[in-house]
Amino acid sequence: MGRQVTAAERRVRVVVRGRVQGVGFRWFAAQSARDLGLSGWVRNAPDGSVEAAAAGPADAMAKFLAALQQGPGHGYVSGLEVGALGDDEASSLHFPFEIAR
């Protein structure tokens, strides 16, 4: 799994809504997170949204959330739901950031 998630890091669970499946969104999210050094995963949800969980420094997390709001060129993001990720969930985060199936 890689690096340890520390208490000083920001941990979030994100649901991205809009036209986010079938447009390369998971690849875009994973690449953005890897470039920022974040731990976590991204996956398609059955309702057509994309879910992600991530952990990392607050400044990198802010950049990641801004990237998710923008999305890839072929997608359209209508909204982000951002919530806290619990300590028990943080242990399931992967480094490097991965696309979950």
N, C-alpha and C. Protein backbone atom coordinates (compact mmCIF):
# COMPACT_ATOMS: atom_id res chain seq x y z
N MET A 1 0.80 -1.19 0.00
CA MET A 1 0.00 0.00 0.00
C MET A 1 0.85 1.26 0.00
N GLY A 2 1.96 1.32 0.65
CA GLY A 2 2.79 2.50 0.53
C GLY A 2 2.82 3.37 1.76
N ARG A 3 2.62 4.65 1.57
CA ARG A 3 2.85 5.60 2.65
C ARG A 3 1.73 5.61 3.67
N GLN A 4 2.08 6.02 4.88
CA GLN A 4 1.11 6.10 5.97
C GLN A 4 0.31 7.40 5.89
N VAL A 5 -0.94 7.34 6.22
CA VAL A 5 -1.79 8.52 6.30
C VAL A 5 -1.65 9.06 7.72
N THR A 6 -1.32 10.35 7.85
CA THR A 6 -1.12 10.94 9.17
C THR A 6 -2.32 11.78 9.57
N ALA A 7 -2.42 12.06 10.86
CA ALA A 7 -3.53 12.86 11.38
C ALA A 7 -3.49 14.30 10.86
N ALA A 8 -2.32 14.78 10.45
CA ALA A 8 -2.19 16.16 9.97
C ALA A 8 -2.73 16.33 8.55
N GLU A 9 -3.00 15.25 7.87
CA GLU A 9 -3.49 15.33 6.50
C GLU A 9 -5.00 15.50 6.46
N ARG A 10 -5.47 16.03 5.35
CA ARG A 10 -6.91 16.14 5.11
C ARG A 10 -7.37 14.87 4.44
N ARG A 11 -8.47 14.33 4.90
CA ARG A 11 -9.03 13.09 4.35
C ARG A 11 -10.46 13.36 3.92
N VAL A 12 -10.77 13.05 2.67
CA VAL A 12 -12.11 13.34 2.17
C VAL A 12 -12.68 12.17 1.38
N ARG A 13 -14.00 12.14 1.38
CA ARG A 13 -14.77 11.28 0.48
C ARG A 13 -15.54 12.23 -0.41
N VAL A 14 -15.50 11.97 -1.72
CA VAL A 14 -16.10 12.88 -2.68
C VAL A 14 -17.05 12.10 -3.59
N VAL A 15 -18.21 12.69 -3.87
CA VAL A 15 -19.12 12.18 -4.89
C VAL A 15 -19.21 13.27 -5.96
N VAL A 16 -18.89 12.90 -7.19
CA VAL A 16 -18.91 13.85 -8.31
C VAL A 16 -20.11 13.50 -9.18
N ARG A 17 -20.95 14.50 -9.42
CA ARG A 17 -22.14 14.29 -10.22
C ARG A 17 -22.05 15.08 -11.53
N GLY A 18 -22.76 14.60 -12.53
CA GLY A 18 -22.78 15.23 -13.84
C GLY A 18 -22.55 14.16 -14.90
N ARG A 19 -21.98 14.56 -16.02
CA ARG A 19 -21.61 13.57 -17.05
C ARG A 19 -20.17 13.19 -16.76
N VAL A 20 -20.01 12.19 -15.90
CA VAL A 20 -18.68 11.83 -15.38
C VAL A 20 -18.30 10.38 -15.63
N GLN A 21 -19.17 9.61 -16.22
CA GLN A 21 -18.82 8.24 -16.59
C GLN A 21 -18.73 8.14 -18.10
N GLY A 22 -17.74 7.38 -18.57
CA GLY A 22 -17.55 7.20 -20.00
C GLY A 22 -16.83 8.36 -20.67
N VAL A 23 -16.22 9.24 -19.88
CA VAL A 23 -15.52 10.41 -20.42
C VAL A 23 -14.07 10.49 -19.94
N GLY A 24 -13.55 9.41 -19.33
CA GLY A 24 -12.18 9.41 -18.83
C GLY A 24 -12.02 10.08 -17.47
N PHE A 25 -13.13 10.21 -16.74
CA PHE A 25 -13.06 10.93 -15.46
C PHE A 25 -12.22 10.20 -14.43
N ARG A 26 -12.36 8.89 -14.32
CA ARG A 26 -11.57 8.15 -13.32
C ARG A 26 -10.09 8.28 -13.61
N TRP A 27 -9.70 8.15 -14.88
CA TRP A 27 -8.29 8.30 -15.24
C TRP A 27 -7.81 9.70 -14.90
N PHE A 28 -8.61 10.71 -15.25
CA PHE A 28 -8.29 12.11 -14.96
C PHE A 28 -8.09 12.32 -13.46
N ALA A 29 -9.02 11.81 -12.65
CA ALA A 29 -8.94 11.97 -11.20
C ALA A 29 -7.71 11.27 -10.64
N ALA A 30 -7.46 10.05 -11.09
CA ALA A 30 -6.30 9.31 -10.58
C ALA A 30 -5.00 10.00 -10.95
N GLN A 31 -4.89 10.47 -12.18
CA GLN A 31 -3.67 11.15 -12.61
C GLN A 31 -3.47 12.46 -11.83
N SER A 32 -4.54 13.20 -11.63
CA SER A 32 -4.46 14.44 -10.85
C SER A 32 -3.98 14.15 -9.43
N ALA A 33 -4.55 13.13 -8.81
CA ALA A 33 -4.17 12.77 -7.44
C ALA A 33 -2.72 12.29 -7.37
N ARG A 34 -2.30 11.49 -8.32
CA ARG A 34 -0.91 11.01 -8.33
C ARG A 34 0.06 12.18 -8.49
N ASP A 35 -0.27 13.11 -9.38
CA ASP A 35 0.59 14.28 -9.60
C ASP A 35 0.74 15.10 -8.31
N LEU A 36 -0.29 15.07 -7.46
CA LEU A 36 -0.28 15.83 -6.21
C LEU A 36 0.22 15.01 -5.03
N GLY A 37 0.54 13.73 -5.24
CA GLY A 37 1.07 12.88 -4.18
C GLY A 37 0.03 12.40 -3.18
N LEU A 38 -1.23 12.32 -3.58
CA LEU A 38 -2.30 11.89 -2.69
C LEU A 38 -2.44 10.37 -2.67
N SER A 39 -2.94 9.86 -1.57
CA SER A 39 -3.33 8.46 -1.44
C SER A 39 -4.82 8.37 -1.70
N GLY A 40 -5.29 7.22 -2.20
CA GLY A 40 -6.72 7.04 -2.33
C GLY A 40 -7.14 6.20 -3.50
N TRP A 41 -8.39 6.36 -3.87
CA TRP A 41 -8.98 5.59 -4.97
C TRP A 41 -10.13 6.38 -5.58
N VAL A 42 -10.53 5.96 -6.77
CA VAL A 42 -11.68 6.53 -7.47
C VAL A 42 -12.40 5.39 -8.17
N ARG A 43 -13.74 5.47 -8.24
CA ARG A 43 -14.51 4.41 -8.90
C ARG A 43 -15.84 4.98 -9.42
N ASN A 44 -16.41 4.29 -10.39
CA ASN A 44 -17.75 4.60 -10.87
C ASN A 44 -18.76 4.08 -9.86
N ALA A 45 -19.83 4.81 -9.66
CA ALA A 45 -20.91 4.38 -8.78
C ALA A 45 -22.09 3.94 -9.64
N PRO A 46 -22.92 3.04 -9.12
CA PRO A 46 -24.06 2.54 -9.89
C PRO A 46 -25.05 3.63 -10.32
N ASP A 47 -25.12 4.74 -9.60
CA ASP A 47 -26.08 5.79 -9.93
C ASP A 47 -25.58 6.76 -11.01
N GLY A 48 -24.40 6.49 -11.59
CA GLY A 48 -23.87 7.35 -12.64
C GLY A 48 -22.88 8.39 -12.15
N SER A 49 -22.71 8.49 -10.85
CA SER A 49 -21.73 9.42 -10.30
C SER A 49 -20.36 8.73 -10.23
N VAL A 50 -19.36 9.47 -9.82
CA VAL A 50 -18.03 8.94 -9.55
C VAL A 50 -17.73 9.22 -8.09
N GLU A 51 -17.22 8.22 -7.39
CA GLU A 51 -16.85 8.35 -5.98
C GLU A 51 -15.34 8.31 -5.86
N ALA A 52 -14.82 9.07 -4.91
CA ALA A 52 -13.39 9.05 -4.63
C ALA A 52 -13.17 9.20 -3.14
N ALA A 53 -12.06 8.67 -2.67
CA ALA A 53 -11.60 8.88 -1.31
C ALA A 53 -10.13 9.23 -1.43
N ALA A 54 -9.70 10.25 -0.69
CA ALA A 54 -8.33 10.71 -0.82
C ALA A 54 -7.81 11.27 0.49
N ALA A 55 -6.48 11.22 0.63
CA ALA A 55 -5.83 11.80 1.79
C ALA A 55 -4.53 12.43 1.35
N GLY A 56 -4.21 13.55 1.97
CA GLY A 56 -2.96 14.24 1.67
C GLY A 56 -2.95 15.62 2.29
N PRO A 57 -1.87 16.35 2.07
CA PRO A 57 -1.76 17.70 2.62
C PRO A 57 -2.90 18.59 2.15
N ALA A 58 -3.31 19.53 3.00
CA ALA A 58 -4.46 20.39 2.70
C ALA A 58 -4.31 21.15 1.39
N ASP A 59 -3.11 21.65 1.10
CA ASP A 59 -2.93 22.41 -0.14
C ASP A 59 -3.09 21.52 -1.37
N ALA A 60 -2.57 20.30 -1.31
CA ALA A 60 -2.72 19.35 -2.41
C ALA A 60 -4.18 18.93 -2.55
N MET A 61 -4.86 18.76 -1.42
CA MET A 61 -6.27 18.37 -1.47
C MET A 61 -7.12 19.46 -2.10
N ALA A 62 -6.83 20.71 -1.79
CA ALA A 62 -7.58 21.82 -2.40
C ALA A 62 -7.40 21.81 -3.91
N LYS A 63 -6.19 21.54 -4.38
CA LYS A 63 -5.93 21.47 -5.82
C LYS A 63 -6.65 20.28 -6.45
N PHE A 64 -6.69 19.16 -5.74
CA PHE A 64 -7.38 17.97 -6.23
C PHE A 64 -8.88 18.24 -6.37
N LEU A 65 -9.48 18.84 -5.35
CA LEU A 65 -10.91 19.14 -5.40
C LEU A 65 -11.23 20.14 -6.52
N ALA A 66 -10.35 21.10 -6.74
CA ALA A 66 -10.54 22.05 -7.84
C ALA A 66 -10.47 21.32 -9.18
N ALA A 67 -9.55 20.36 -9.30
CA ALA A 67 -9.44 19.58 -10.54
C ALA A 67 -10.70 18.75 -10.76
N LEU A 68 -11.22 18.13 -9.69
CA LEU A 68 -12.44 17.34 -9.83
C LEU A 68 -13.62 18.22 -10.24
N GLN A 69 -13.69 19.42 -9.72
CA GLN A 69 -14.77 20.35 -10.09
C GLN A 69 -14.70 20.70 -11.56
N GLN A 70 -13.50 20.83 -12.08
CA GLN A 70 -13.30 21.16 -13.49
C GLN A 70 -13.58 19.94 -14.37
N GLY A 71 -13.00 18.80 -14.00
CA GLY A 71 -13.17 17.56 -14.75
C GLY A 71 -12.41 17.55 -16.06
N PRO A 72 -12.43 16.42 -16.77
CA PRO A 72 -11.76 16.32 -18.06
C PRO A 72 -12.57 17.05 -19.14
N GLY A 73 -11.96 17.29 -20.26
CA GLY A 73 -12.57 18.06 -21.33
C GLY A 73 -13.89 17.52 -21.84
N HIS A 74 -14.08 16.20 -21.85
CA HIS A 74 -15.30 15.62 -22.41
C HIS A 74 -16.41 15.44 -21.38
N GLY A 75 -16.12 15.73 -20.13
CA GLY A 75 -17.12 15.55 -19.09
C GLY A 75 -17.76 16.87 -18.70
N TYR A 76 -18.72 16.75 -17.79
CA TYR A 76 -19.38 17.93 -17.24
C TYR A 76 -19.69 17.63 -15.78
N VAL A 77 -19.20 18.48 -14.90
CA VAL A 77 -19.43 18.30 -13.47
C VAL A 77 -20.53 19.26 -13.03
N SER A 78 -21.61 18.69 -12.50
CA SER A 78 -22.71 19.52 -12.02
C SER A 78 -22.60 19.79 -10.53
N GLY A 79 -21.78 19.01 -9.83
CA GLY A 79 -21.60 19.24 -8.40
C GLY A 79 -20.69 18.24 -7.73
N LEU A 80 -20.11 18.68 -6.63
CA LEU A 80 -19.28 17.82 -5.77
C LEU A 80 -19.91 17.76 -4.40
N GLU A 81 -19.96 16.58 -3.83
CA GLU A 81 -20.35 16.42 -2.43
C GLU A 81 -19.08 15.96 -1.71
N VAL A 82 -18.60 16.77 -0.79
CA VAL A 82 -17.35 16.47 -0.10
C VAL A 82 -17.66 16.26 1.37
N GLY A 83 -17.19 15.13 1.89
CA GLY A 83 -17.37 14.83 3.30
C GLY A 83 -16.08 14.31 3.91
N ALA A 84 -16.06 14.23 5.21
CA ALA A 84 -14.88 13.74 5.92
C ALA A 84 -14.77 12.23 5.78
N LEU A 85 -13.55 11.77 5.74
CA LEU A 85 -13.25 10.34 5.69
C LEU A 85 -12.79 9.93 7.08
N GLY A 86 -13.41 8.92 7.64
CA GLY A 86 -13.07 8.49 8.99
C GLY A 86 -11.72 7.80 9.08
N ASP A 87 -11.18 7.74 10.29
CA ASP A 87 -9.89 7.09 10.52
C ASP A 87 -9.90 5.64 10.07
N ASP A 88 -11.02 4.93 10.30
CA ASP A 88 -11.11 3.53 9.92
C ASP A 88 -11.09 3.38 8.40
N GLU A 89 -11.66 4.32 7.68
CA GLU A 89 -11.67 4.28 6.21
C GLU A 89 -10.31 4.66 5.62
N ALA A 90 -9.55 5.48 6.32
CA ALA A 90 -8.26 5.94 5.81
C ALA A 90 -7.29 4.79 5.59
N SER A 91 -7.44 3.71 6.34
CA SER A 91 -6.54 2.57 6.18
C SER A 91 -6.75 1.86 4.85
N SER A 92 -7.87 2.11 4.17
CA SER A 92 -8.14 1.45 2.88
C SER A 92 -7.60 2.26 1.69
N LEU A 93 -6.97 3.39 1.94
CA LEU A 93 -6.47 4.23 0.86
C LEU A 93 -5.17 3.65 0.31
N HIS A 94 -5.00 3.75 -0.99
CA HIS A 94 -3.83 3.17 -1.67
C HIS A 94 -2.88 4.26 -2.12
N PHE A 95 -1.60 3.94 -2.09
CA PHE A 95 -0.59 4.83 -2.64
C PHE A 95 0.30 3.99 -3.54
N PRO A 96 0.43 4.31 -4.80
CA PRO A 96 -0.16 5.49 -5.42
C PRO A 96 -1.67 5.34 -5.58
N PHE A 97 -2.33 6.48 -5.75
CA PHE A 97 -3.77 6.57 -5.95
C PHE A 97 -4.18 5.60 -7.07
N GLU A 98 -5.27 4.89 -6.87
CA GLU A 98 -5.67 3.87 -7.85
C GLU A 98 -7.11 4.03 -8.33
N ILE A 99 -7.36 3.44 -9.47
CA ILE A 99 -8.70 3.34 -10.01
C ILE A 99 -9.27 2.01 -9.50
N ALA A 100 -10.32 2.09 -8.69
CA ALA A 100 -10.94 0.89 -8.15
C ALA A 100 -12.02 0.40 -9.11
N ARG A 101 -12.25 -0.86 -9.10
CA ARG A 101 -13.27 -1.44 -9.99
C ARG A 101 -14.44 -1.94 -9.19
